[in-house]
Amino acid sequence: MTNTYGLREAYIWEIDTGEMGTTDQIKNLVDLLKEEQPLVVFLESNVDPKPMETVSNESGIPIYEKPIYSDEIGKKGEEVDSYMKYLEYNIDIIEDGLSE
């Protein structure tokens, strides 16, 4: 999907496994970010923020103020409590983050 919009995805680990991120995974992402220079990086709502905070600090690229949702829908009454709200929310967050 990223190719459709001329974007490139990058991550510490490909699938959310609860990993903390190895030194090599973090270094590889930091190196890529320094080369590509995106405006922001995004943090998933359901992961430990510490590895991405390290990436942000090392690369100098800020974490966007709101997280994206990767594989969960919020509880009833929350901002993303349906699949459509989940999609719309993530699209808005990504658009806002990339438009800064």
PDB file of N, CA and C in Angstrom:
ATOM      1  N   MET A   1       0.816  -1.193   0.000  1.00  0.00           N
ATOM      2  CA  MET A   1       0.000   0.000   0.000  1.00  0.00           C
ATOM      3  C   MET A   1       0.863   1.262   0.000  1.00  0.00           C
ATOM      4  N   THR A   2       1.981   1.247   0.687  1.00  0.00           N
ATOM      5  CA  THR A   2       2.812   2.446   0.740  1.00  0.00           C
ATOM      6  C   THR A   2       3.314   2.851  -0.641  1.00  0.00           C
ATOM      7  N   ASN A   3       3.603   1.873  -1.493  1.00  0.00           N
ATOM      8  CA  ASN A   3       4.084   2.183  -2.847  1.00  0.00           C
ATOM      9  C   ASN A   3       3.065   2.980  -3.647  1.00  0.00           C
ATOM     10  N   THR A   4       1.791   2.708  -3.419  1.00  0.00           N
ATOM     11  CA  THR A   4       0.723   3.418  -4.120  1.00  0.00           C
ATOM     12  C   THR A   4       0.827   4.918  -3.895  1.00  0.00           C
ATOM     13  N   TYR A   5       1.251   5.313  -2.709  1.00  0.00           N
ATOM     14  CA  TYR A   5       1.317   6.725  -2.339  1.00  0.00           C
ATOM     15  C   TYR A   5       2.736   7.283  -2.324  1.00  0.00           C
ATOM     16  N   GLY A   6       3.671   6.523  -2.861  1.00  0.00           N
ATOM     17  CA  GLY A   6       5.050   6.994  -2.917  1.00  0.00           C
ATOM     18  C   GLY A   6       5.713   7.052  -1.553  1.00  0.00           C
ATOM     19  N   LEU A   7       5.272   6.215  -0.645  1.00  0.00           N
ATOM     20  CA  LEU A   7       5.831   6.184   0.703  1.00  0.00           C
ATOM     21  C   LEU A   7       6.688   4.939   0.878  1.00  0.00           C
ATOM     22  N   ARG A   8       7.499   4.961   1.903  1.00  0.00           N
ATOM     23  CA  ARG A   8       8.328   3.806   2.245  1.00  0.00           C
ATOM     24  C   ARG A   8       8.123   3.517   3.721  1.00  0.00           C
ATOM     25  N   GLU A   9       7.813   2.284   4.035  1.00  0.00           N
ATOM     26  CA  GLU A   9       7.640   1.951   5.443  1.00  0.00           C
ATOM     27  C   GLU A   9       8.944   1.429   6.030  1.00  0.00           C
ATOM     28  N   ALA A  10       9.118   1.698   7.301  1.00  0.00           N
ATOM     29  CA  ALA A  10      10.281   1.215   8.031  1.00  0.00           C
ATOM     30  C   ALA A  10       9.821   0.953   9.458  1.00  0.00           C
ATOM     31  N   TYR A  11      10.510   0.081  10.145  1.00  0.00           N
ATOM     32  CA  TYR A  11      10.068  -0.327  11.471  1.00  0.00           C
ATOM     33  C   TYR A  11      11.229  -0.939  12.235  1.00  0.00           C
ATOM     34  N   ILE A  12      11.044  -1.043  13.539  1.00  0.00           N
ATOM     35  CA  ILE A  12      12.056  -1.703  14.358  1.00  0.00           C
ATOM     36  C   ILE A  12      11.966  -3.203  14.128  1.00  0.00           C
ATOM     37  N   TRP A  13      10.762  -3.748  14.218  1.00  0.00           N
ATOM     38  CA  TRP A  13      10.509  -5.148  13.909  1.00  0.00           C
ATOM     39  C   TRP A  13       9.251  -5.218  13.061  1.00  0.00           C
ATOM     40  N   GLU A  14       9.205  -6.196  12.172  1.00  0.00           N
ATOM     41  CA  GLU A  14       8.137  -6.249  11.174  1.00  0.00           C
ATOM     42  C   GLU A  14       6.772  -6.568  11.761  1.00  0.00           C
ATOM     43  N   ILE A  15       6.707  -7.501  12.665  1.00  0.00           N
ATOM     44  CA  ILE A  15       5.427  -7.917  13.237  1.00  0.00           C
ATOM     45  C   ILE A  15       5.458  -7.645  14.733  1.00  0.00           C
ATOM     46  N   ASP A  16       4.357  -7.102  15.247  1.00  0.00           N
ATOM     47  CA  ASP A  16       4.263  -6.784  16.671  1.00  0.00           C
ATOM     48  C   ASP A  16       4.312  -8.075  17.484  1.00  0.00           C
ATOM     49  N   THR A  17       5.459  -8.319  18.086  1.00  0.00           N
ATOM     50  CA  THR A  17       5.638  -9.540  18.866  1.00  0.00           C
ATOM     51  C   THR A  17       5.902  -9.242  20.331  1.00  0.00           C
ATOM     52  N   GLY A  18       5.881  -7.984  20.695  1.00  0.00           N
ATOM     53  CA  GLY A  18       6.212  -7.621  22.061  1.00  0.00           C
ATOM     54  C   GLY A  18       7.707  -7.524  22.280  1.00  0.00           C
ATOM     55  N   GLU A  19       8.483  -7.620  21.196  1.00  0.00           N
ATOM     56  CA  GLU A  19       9.930  -7.491  21.314  1.00  0.00           C
ATOM     57  C   GLU A  19      10.289  -6.084  21.773  1.00  0.00           C
ATOM     58  N   MET A  20      11.477  -5.934  22.273  1.00  0.00           N
ATOM     59  CA  MET A  20      11.953  -4.624  22.686  1.00  0.00           C
ATOM     60  C   MET A  20      12.788  -3.968  21.598  1.00  0.00           C
ATOM     61  N   GLY A  21      13.209  -4.709  20.614  1.00  0.00           N
ATOM     62  CA  GLY A  21      14.067  -4.175  19.569  1.00  0.00           C
ATOM     63  C   GLY A  21      15.519  -4.414  19.916  1.00  0.00           C
ATOM     64  N   THR A  22      16.202  -5.111  19.048  1.00  0.00           N
ATOM     65  CA  THR A  22      17.613  -5.367  19.294  1.00  0.00           C
ATOM     66  C   THR A  22      18.415  -4.120  18.953  1.00  0.00           C
ATOM     67  N   THR A  23      19.644  -4.102  19.399  1.00  0.00           N
ATOM     68  CA  THR A  23      20.535  -2.984  19.084  1.00  0.00           C
ATOM     69  C   THR A  23      20.668  -2.830  17.574  1.00  0.00           C
ATOM     70  N   ASP A  24      20.820  -3.948  16.868  1.00  0.00           N
ATOM     71  CA  ASP A  24      20.951  -3.879  15.407  1.00  0.00           C
ATOM     72  C   ASP A  24      19.678  -3.366  14.749  1.00  0.00           C
ATOM     73  N   GLN A  25      18.511  -3.805  15.209  1.00  0.00           N
ATOM     74  CA  GLN A  25      17.255  -3.340  14.632  1.00  0.00           C
ATOM     75  C   GLN A  25      17.110  -1.822  14.809  1.00  0.00           C
ATOM     76  N   ILE A  26      17.406  -1.342  15.986  1.00  0.00           N
ATOM     77  CA  ILE A  26      17.298   0.089  16.264  1.00  0.00           C
ATOM     78  C   ILE A  26      18.326   0.870  15.446  1.00  0.00           C
ATOM     79  N   LYS A  27      19.567   0.394  15.400  1.00  0.00           N
ATOM     80  CA  LYS A  27      20.611   1.073  14.625  1.00  0.00           C
ATOM     81  C   LYS A  27      20.245   1.136  13.150  1.00  0.00           C
ATOM     82  N   ASN A  28      19.746   0.030  12.597  1.00  0.00           N
ATOM     83  CA  ASN A  28      19.374   0.011  11.183  1.00  0.00           C
ATOM     84  C   ASN A  28      18.271   1.018  10.882  1.00  0.00           C
ATOM     85  N   LEU A  29      17.298   1.127  11.768  1.00  0.00           N
ATOM     86  CA  LEU A  29      16.217   2.085  11.557  1.00  0.00           C
ATOM     87  C   LEU A  29      16.740   3.515  11.688  1.00  0.00           C
ATOM     88  N   VAL A  30      17.560   3.772  12.677  1.00  0.00           N
ATOM     89  CA  VAL A  30      18.132   5.118  12.851  1.00  0.00           C
ATOM     90  C   VAL A  30      18.926   5.509  11.606  1.00  0.00           C
ATOM     91  N   ASP A  31      19.736   4.599  11.093  1.00  0.00           N
ATOM     92  CA  ASP A  31      20.526   4.891   9.894  1.00  0.00           C
ATOM     93  C   ASP A  31      19.619   5.221   8.706  1.00  0.00           C
ATOM     94  N   LEU A  32      18.563   4.443   8.528  1.00  0.00           N
ATOM     95  CA  LEU A  32      17.630   4.690   7.435  1.00  0.00           C
ATOM     96  C   LEU A  32      16.935   6.039   7.593  1.00  0.00           C
ATOM     97  N   LEU A  33      16.513   6.349   8.807  1.00  0.00           N
ATOM     98  CA  LEU A  33      15.826   7.618   9.047  1.00  0.00           C
ATOM     99  C   LEU A  33      16.752   8.815   8.811  1.00  0.00           C
ATOM    100  N   LYS A  34      17.994   8.691   9.190  1.00  0.00           N
ATOM    101  CA  LYS A  34      18.945   9.777   8.948  1.00  0.00           C
ATOM    102  C   LYS A  34      19.131   9.993   7.440  1.00  0.00           C
ATOM    103  N   GLU A  35      19.067   8.914   6.689  1.00  0.00           N
ATOM    104  CA  GLU A  35      19.202   9.004   5.236  1.00  0.00           C
ATOM    105  C   GLU A  35      17.941   9.575   4.588  1.00  0.00           C
ATOM    106  N   GLU A  36      16.779   9.102   5.001  1.00  0.00           N
ATOM    107  CA  GLU A  36      15.514   9.483   4.376  1.00  0.00           C
ATOM    108  C   GLU A  36      14.943  10.802   4.904  1.00  0.00           C
ATOM    109  N   GLN A  37      15.222  11.143   6.147  1.00  0.00           N
ATOM    110  CA  GLN A  37      14.769  12.383   6.791  1.00  0.00           C
ATOM    111  C   GLN A  37      13.251  12.627   6.732  1.00  0.00           C
ATOM    112  N   PRO A  38      12.445  11.696   7.231  1.00  0.00           N
ATOM    113  CA  PRO A  38      11.008  11.972   7.305  1.00  0.00           C
ATOM    114  C   PRO A  38      10.742  13.065   8.341  1.00  0.00           C
ATOM    115  N   LEU A  39       9.569  13.657   8.261  1.00  0.00           N
ATOM    116  CA  LEU A  39       9.217  14.722   9.204  1.00  0.00           C
ATOM    117  C   LEU A  39       8.983  14.187  10.608  1.00  0.00           C
ATOM    118  N   VAL A  40       8.364  13.021  10.698  1.00  0.00           N
ATOM    119  CA  VAL A  40       8.034  12.404  11.980  1.00  0.00           C
ATOM    120  C   VAL A  40       8.129  10.895  11.853  1.00  0.00           C
ATOM    121  N   VAL A  41       8.141  10.228  12.998  1.00  0.00           N
ATOM    122  CA  VAL A  41       7.948   8.780  13.067  1.00  0.00           C
ATOM    123  C   VAL A  41       6.663   8.558  13.854  1.00  0.00           C
ATOM    124  N   PHE A  42       6.053   7.420  13.644  1.00  0.00           N
ATOM    125  CA  PHE A  42       4.796   7.113  14.313  1.00  0.00           C
ATOM    126  C   PHE A  42       4.990   5.974  15.292  1.00  0.00           C
ATOM    127  N   LEU A  43       4.251   6.041  16.378  1.00  0.00           N
ATOM    128  CA  LEU A  43       4.285   5.031  17.417  1.00  0.00           C
ATOM    129  C   LEU A  43       2.938   4.326  17.447  1.00  0.00           C
ATOM    130  N   GLU A  44       2.958   3.013  17.536  1.00  0.00           N
ATOM    131  CA  GLU A  44       1.717   2.258  17.655  1.00  0.00           C
ATOM    132  C   GLU A  44       1.170   2.394  19.071  1.00  0.00           C
ATOM    133  N   SER A  45      -0.139   2.368  19.171  1.00  0.00           N
ATOM    134  CA  SER A  45      -0.804   2.590  20.455  1.00  0.00           C
ATOM    135  C   SER A  45      -0.583   1.464  21.463  1.00  0.00           C
ATOM    136  N   ASN A  46      -0.235   0.283  20.991  1.00  0.00           N
ATOM    137  CA  ASN A  46      -0.184  -0.868  21.881  1.00  0.00           C
ATOM    138  C   ASN A  46       1.216  -1.426  22.128  1.00  0.00           C
ATOM    139  N   VAL A  47       2.254  -0.628  21.871  1.00  0.00           N
ATOM    140  CA  VAL A  47       3.613  -1.116  22.101  1.00  0.00           C
ATOM    141  C   VAL A  47       4.332  -0.230  23.114  1.00  0.00           C
ATOM    142  N   ASP A  48       5.364  -0.779  23.695  1.00  0.00           N
ATOM    143  CA  ASP A  48       6.206  -0.029  24.623  1.00  0.00           C
ATOM    144  C   ASP A  48       6.876   1.092  23.833  1.00  0.00           C
ATOM    145  N   PRO A  49       6.752   2.335  24.261  1.00  0.00           N
ATOM    146  CA  PRO A  49       7.318   3.451  23.497  1.00  0.00           C
ATOM    147  C   PRO A  49       8.841   3.571  23.590  1.00  0.00           C
ATOM    148  N   LYS A  50       9.471   2.887  24.526  1.00  0.00           N
ATOM    149  CA  LYS A  50      10.910   3.089  24.764  1.00  0.00           C
ATOM    150  C   LYS A  50      11.785   2.840  23.534  1.00  0.00           C
ATOM    151  N   PRO A  51      11.592   1.742  22.779  1.00  0.00           N
ATOM    152  CA  PRO A  51      12.446   1.565  21.597  1.00  0.00           C
ATOM    153  C   PRO A  51      12.290   2.699  20.580  1.00  0.00           C
ATOM    154  N   MET A  52      11.062   3.150  20.334  1.00  0.00           N
ATOM    155  CA  MET A  52      10.866   4.221  19.368  1.00  0.00           C
ATOM    156  C   MET A  52      11.368   5.554  19.920  1.00  0.00           C
ATOM    157  N   GLU A  53      11.309   5.742  21.227  1.00  0.00           N
ATOM    158  CA  GLU A  53      11.884   6.949  21.822  1.00  0.00           C
ATOM    159  C   GLU A  53      13.399   6.975  21.590  1.00  0.00           C
ATOM    160  N   THR A  54      14.037   5.805  21.702  1.00  0.00           N
ATOM    161  CA  THR A  54      15.472   5.711  21.423  1.00  0.00           C
ATOM    162  C   THR A  54      15.742   6.070  19.963  1.00  0.00           C
ATOM    163  N   VAL A  55      14.933   5.518  19.053  1.00  0.00           N
ATOM    164  CA  VAL A  55      15.078   5.820  17.628  1.00  0.00           C
ATOM    165  C   VAL A  55      14.920   7.322  17.389  1.00  0.00           C
ATOM    166  N   SER A  56      13.913   7.915  17.996  1.00  0.00           N
ATOM    167  CA  SER A  56      13.661   9.342  17.838  1.00  0.00           C
ATOM    168  C   SER A  56      14.837  10.169  18.355  1.00  0.00           C
ATOM    169  N   ASN A  57      15.317   9.835  19.528  1.00  0.00           N
ATOM    170  CA  ASN A  57      16.444  10.568  20.122  1.00  0.00           C
ATOM    171  C   ASN A  57      17.705  10.435  19.278  1.00  0.00           C
ATOM    172  N   GLU A  58      17.978   9.241  18.787  1.00  0.00           N
ATOM    173  CA  GLU A  58      19.201   8.992  18.018  1.00  0.00           C
ATOM    174  C   GLU A  58      19.142   9.587  16.613  1.00  0.00           C
ATOM    175  N   SER A  59      17.953   9.626  16.040  1.00  0.00           N
ATOM    176  CA  SER A  59      17.812  10.127  14.666  1.00  0.00           C
ATOM    177  C   SER A  59      17.511  11.625  14.610  1.00  0.00           C
ATOM    178  N   GLY A  60      17.009  12.163  15.730  1.00  0.00           N
ATOM    179  CA  GLY A  60      16.607  13.562  15.746  1.00  0.00           C
ATOM    180  C   GLY A  60      15.241  13.802  15.113  1.00  0.00           C
ATOM    181  N   ILE A  61      14.508  12.733  14.830  1.00  0.00           N
ATOM    182  CA  ILE A  61      13.188  12.845  14.201  1.00  0.00           C
ATOM    183  C   ILE A  61      12.130  12.611  15.278  1.00  0.00           C
ATOM    184  N   PRO A  62      11.225  13.579  15.461  1.00  0.00           N
ATOM    185  CA  PRO A  62      10.247  13.455  16.546  1.00  0.00           C
ATOM    186  C   PRO A  62       9.193  12.376  16.294  1.00  0.00           C
ATOM    187  N   ILE A  63       8.654  11.884  17.387  1.00  0.00           N
ATOM    188  CA  ILE A  63       7.506  10.972  17.336  1.00  0.00           C
ATOM    189  C   ILE A  63       6.258  11.838  17.230  1.00  0.00           C
ATOM    190  N   TYR A  64       5.367  11.494  16.305  1.00  0.00           N
ATOM    191  CA  TYR A  64       4.129  12.252  16.164  1.00  0.00           C
ATOM    192  C   TYR A  64       3.363  12.200  17.476  1.00  0.00           C
ATOM    193  N   GLU A  65       2.679  13.281  17.807  1.00  0.00           N
ATOM    194  CA  GLU A  65       2.032  13.442  19.111  1.00  0.00           C
ATOM    195  C   GLU A  65       0.950  12.408  19.428  1.00  0.00           C
ATOM    196  N   LYS A  66       0.303  11.855  18.420  1.00  0.00           N
ATOM    197  CA  LYS A  66      -0.732  10.844  18.650  1.00  0.00           C
ATOM    198  C   LYS A  66      -0.289   9.519  18.046  1.00  0.00           C
ATOM    199  N   PRO A  67      -0.591   8.412  18.721  1.00  0.00           N
ATOM    200  CA  PRO A  67      -0.200   7.104  18.181  1.00  0.00           C
ATOM    201  C   PRO A  67      -1.136   6.664  17.056  1.00  0.00           C
ATOM    202  N   ILE A  68      -0.664   5.708  16.268  1.00  0.00           N
ATOM    203  CA  ILE A  68      -1.545   5.055  15.306  1.00  0.00           C
ATOM    204  C   ILE A  68      -1.985   3.720  15.911  1.00  0.00           C
ATOM    205  N   TYR A  69      -3.106   3.227  15.439  1.00  0.00           N
ATOM    206  CA  TYR A  69      -3.605   1.930  15.891  1.00  0.00           C
ATOM    207  C   TYR A  69      -3.208   0.891  14.861  1.00  0.00           C
ATOM    208  N   SER A  70      -2.605  -0.191  15.337  1.00  0.00           N
ATOM    209  CA  SER A  70      -2.103  -1.186  14.398  1.00  0.00           C
ATOM    210  C   SER A  70      -2.973  -2.426  14.307  1.00  0.00           C
ATOM    211  N   ASP A  71      -3.495  -2.892  15.403  1.00  0.00           N
ATOM    212  CA  ASP A  71      -4.240  -4.142  15.327  1.00  0.00           C
ATOM    213  C   ASP A  71      -5.339  -4.263  16.380  1.00  0.00           C
ATOM    214  N   GLU A  72      -5.823  -3.140  16.844  1.00  0.00           N
ATOM    215  CA  GLU A  72      -6.896  -3.200  17.834  1.00  0.00           C
ATOM    216  C   GLU A  72      -7.862  -2.042  17.652  1.00  0.00           C
ATOM    217  N   ILE A  73      -9.074  -2.287  18.003  1.00  0.00           N
ATOM    218  CA  ILE A  73     -10.112  -1.263  17.989  1.00  0.00           C
ATOM    219  C   ILE A  73     -10.366  -0.894  19.443  1.00  0.00           C
ATOM    220  N   GLY A  74     -10.610   0.369  19.697  1.00  0.00           N
ATOM    221  CA  GLY A  74     -10.819   0.836  21.058  1.00  0.00           C
ATOM    222  C   GLY A  74     -12.105   0.307  21.680  1.00  0.00           C
ATOM    223  N   LYS A  75     -12.234   0.557  22.950  1.00  0.00           N
ATOM    224  CA  LYS A  75     -13.431   0.164  23.692  1.00  0.00           C
ATOM    225  C   LYS A  75     -14.587   1.083  23.322  1.00  0.00           C
ATOM    226  N   LYS A  76     -15.798   0.603  23.503  1.00  0.00           N
ATOM    227  CA  LYS A  76     -16.992   1.368  23.172  1.00  0.00           C
ATOM    228  C   LYS A  76     -16.912   2.753  23.822  1.00  0.00           C
ATOM    229  N   GLY A  77     -17.145   3.789  23.016  1.00  0.00           N
ATOM    230  CA  GLY A  77     -17.098   5.157  23.491  1.00  0.00           C
ATOM    231  C   GLY A  77     -15.759   5.838  23.273  1.00  0.00           C
ATOM    232  N   GLU A  78     -14.717   5.072  22.943  1.00  0.00           N
ATOM    233  CA  GLU A  78     -13.413   5.658  22.667  1.00  0.00           C
ATOM    234  C   GLU A  78     -13.370   6.165  21.227  1.00  0.00           C
ATOM    235  N   GLU A  79     -12.344   6.916  20.925  1.00  0.00           N
ATOM    236  CA  GLU A  79     -12.210   7.574  19.621  1.00  0.00           C
ATOM    237  C   GLU A  79     -12.221   6.594  18.443  1.00  0.00           C
ATOM    238  N   VAL A  80     -11.709   5.400  18.620  1.00  0.00           N
ATOM    239  CA  VAL A  80     -11.639   4.413  17.538  1.00  0.00           C
ATOM    240  C   VAL A  80     -12.369   3.124  17.927  1.00  0.00           C
ATOM    241  N   ASP A  81     -13.642   3.260  18.263  1.00  0.00           N
ATOM    242  CA  ASP A  81     -14.402   2.112  18.748  1.00  0.00           C
ATOM    243  C   ASP A  81     -15.123   1.323  17.656  1.00  0.00           C
ATOM    244  N   SER A  82     -14.793   1.584  16.388  1.00  0.00           N
ATOM    245  CA  SER A  82     -15.319   0.780  15.282  1.00  0.00           C
ATOM    246  C   SER A  82     -14.227   0.678  14.217  1.00  0.00           C
ATOM    247  N   TYR A  83     -14.383  -0.262  13.333  1.00  0.00           N
ATOM    248  CA  TYR A  83     -13.377  -0.462  12.299  1.00  0.00           C
ATOM    249  C   TYR A  83     -13.258   0.771  11.404  1.00  0.00           C
ATOM    250  N   MET A  84     -14.368   1.372  11.037  1.00  0.00           N
ATOM    251  CA  MET A  84     -14.329   2.561  10.181  1.00  0.00           C
ATOM    252  C   MET A  84     -13.643   3.732  10.892  1.00  0.00           C
ATOM    253  N   LYS A  85     -13.924   3.912  12.178  1.00  0.00           N
ATOM    254  CA  LYS A  85     -13.263   4.982  12.928  1.00  0.00           C
ATOM    255  C   LYS A  85     -11.756   4.715  13.037  1.00  0.00           C
ATOM    256  N   TYR A  86     -11.403   3.461  13.195  1.00  0.00           N
ATOM    257  CA  TYR A  86     -10.002   3.041  13.257  1.00  0.00           C
ATOM    258  C   TYR A  86      -9.287   3.438  11.967  1.00  0.00           C
ATOM    259  N   LEU A  87      -9.876   3.117  10.821  1.00  0.00           N
ATOM    260  CA  LEU A  87      -9.275   3.465   9.532  1.00  0.00           C
ATOM    261  C   LEU A  87      -9.184   4.973   9.345  1.00  0.00           C
ATOM    262  N   GLU A  88     -10.277   5.668   9.611  1.00  0.00           N
ATOM    263  CA  GLU A  88     -10.300   7.123   9.445  1.00  0.00           C
ATOM    264  C   GLU A  88      -9.286   7.802  10.366  1.00  0.00           C
ATOM    265  N   TYR A  89      -9.220   7.356  11.604  1.00  0.00           N
ATOM    266  CA  TYR A  89      -8.278   7.915  12.572  1.00  0.00           C
ATOM    267  C   TYR A  89      -6.842   7.763  12.065  1.00  0.00           C
ATOM    268  N   ASN A  90      -6.471   6.543  11.669  1.00  0.00           N
ATOM    269  CA  ASN A  90      -5.106   6.310  11.205  1.00  0.00           C
ATOM    270  C   ASN A  90      -4.780   7.117   9.955  1.00  0.00           C
ATOM    271  N   ILE A  91      -5.713   7.198   9.031  1.00  0.00           N
ATOM    272  CA  ILE A  91      -5.492   7.995   7.827  1.00  0.00           C
ATOM    273  C   ILE A  91      -5.263   9.455   8.204  1.00  0.00           C
ATOM    274  N   ASP A  92      -6.097   9.972   9.105  1.00  0.00           N
ATOM    275  CA  ASP A  92      -5.945  11.369   9.536  1.00  0.00           C
ATOM    276  C   ASP A  92      -4.605  11.601  10.238  1.00  0.00           C
ATOM    277  N   ILE A  93      -4.211  10.687  11.106  1.00  0.00           N
ATOM    278  CA  ILE A  93      -2.945  10.824  11.834  1.00  0.00           C
ATOM    279  C   ILE A  93      -1.763  10.812  10.872  1.00  0.00           C
ATOM    280  N   ILE A  94      -1.767   9.880   9.955  1.00  0.00           N
ATOM    281  CA  ILE A  94      -0.667   9.776   9.009  1.00  0.00           C
ATOM    282  C   ILE A  94      -0.624  10.999   8.104  1.00  0.00           C
ATOM    283  N   GLU A  95      -1.776  11.427   7.616  1.00  0.00           N
ATOM    284  CA  GLU A  95      -1.822  12.629   6.775  1.00  0.00           C
ATOM    285  C   GLU A  95      -1.323  13.853   7.540  1.00  0.00           C
ATOM    286  N   ASP A  96      -1.806  14.037   8.756  1.00  0.00           N
ATOM    287  CA  ASP A  96      -1.372  15.180   9.564  1.00  0.00           C
ATOM    288  C   ASP A  96       0.137  15.135   9.821  1.00  0.00           C
ATOM    289  N   GLY A  97       0.629  13.958  10.191  1.00  0.00           N
ATOM    290  CA  GLY A  97       2.048  13.823  10.499  1.00  0.00           C
ATOM    291  C   GLY A  97       2.941  14.090   9.301  1.00  0.00           C
ATOM    292  N   LEU A  98       2.496  13.656   8.134  1.00  0.00           N
ATOM    293  CA  LEU A  98       3.312  13.835   6.936  1.00  0.00           C
ATOM    294  C   LEU A  98       3.144  15.211   6.308  1.00  0.00           C
ATOM    295  N   SER A  99       2.149  15.968   6.778  1.00  0.00           N
ATOM    296  CA  SER A  99       1.883  17.294   6.218  1.00  0.00           C
ATOM    297  C   SER A  99       2.559  18.406   7.012  1.00  0.00           C
ATOM    298  N   GLU A 100       3.120  18.093   8.158  1.00  0.00           N
ATOM    299  CA  GLU A 100       3.714  19.137   9.000  1.00  0.00           C
ATOM    300  C   GLU A 100       4.857  19.836   8.309  1.00  0.00           C
TER     301      GLU A 100
END
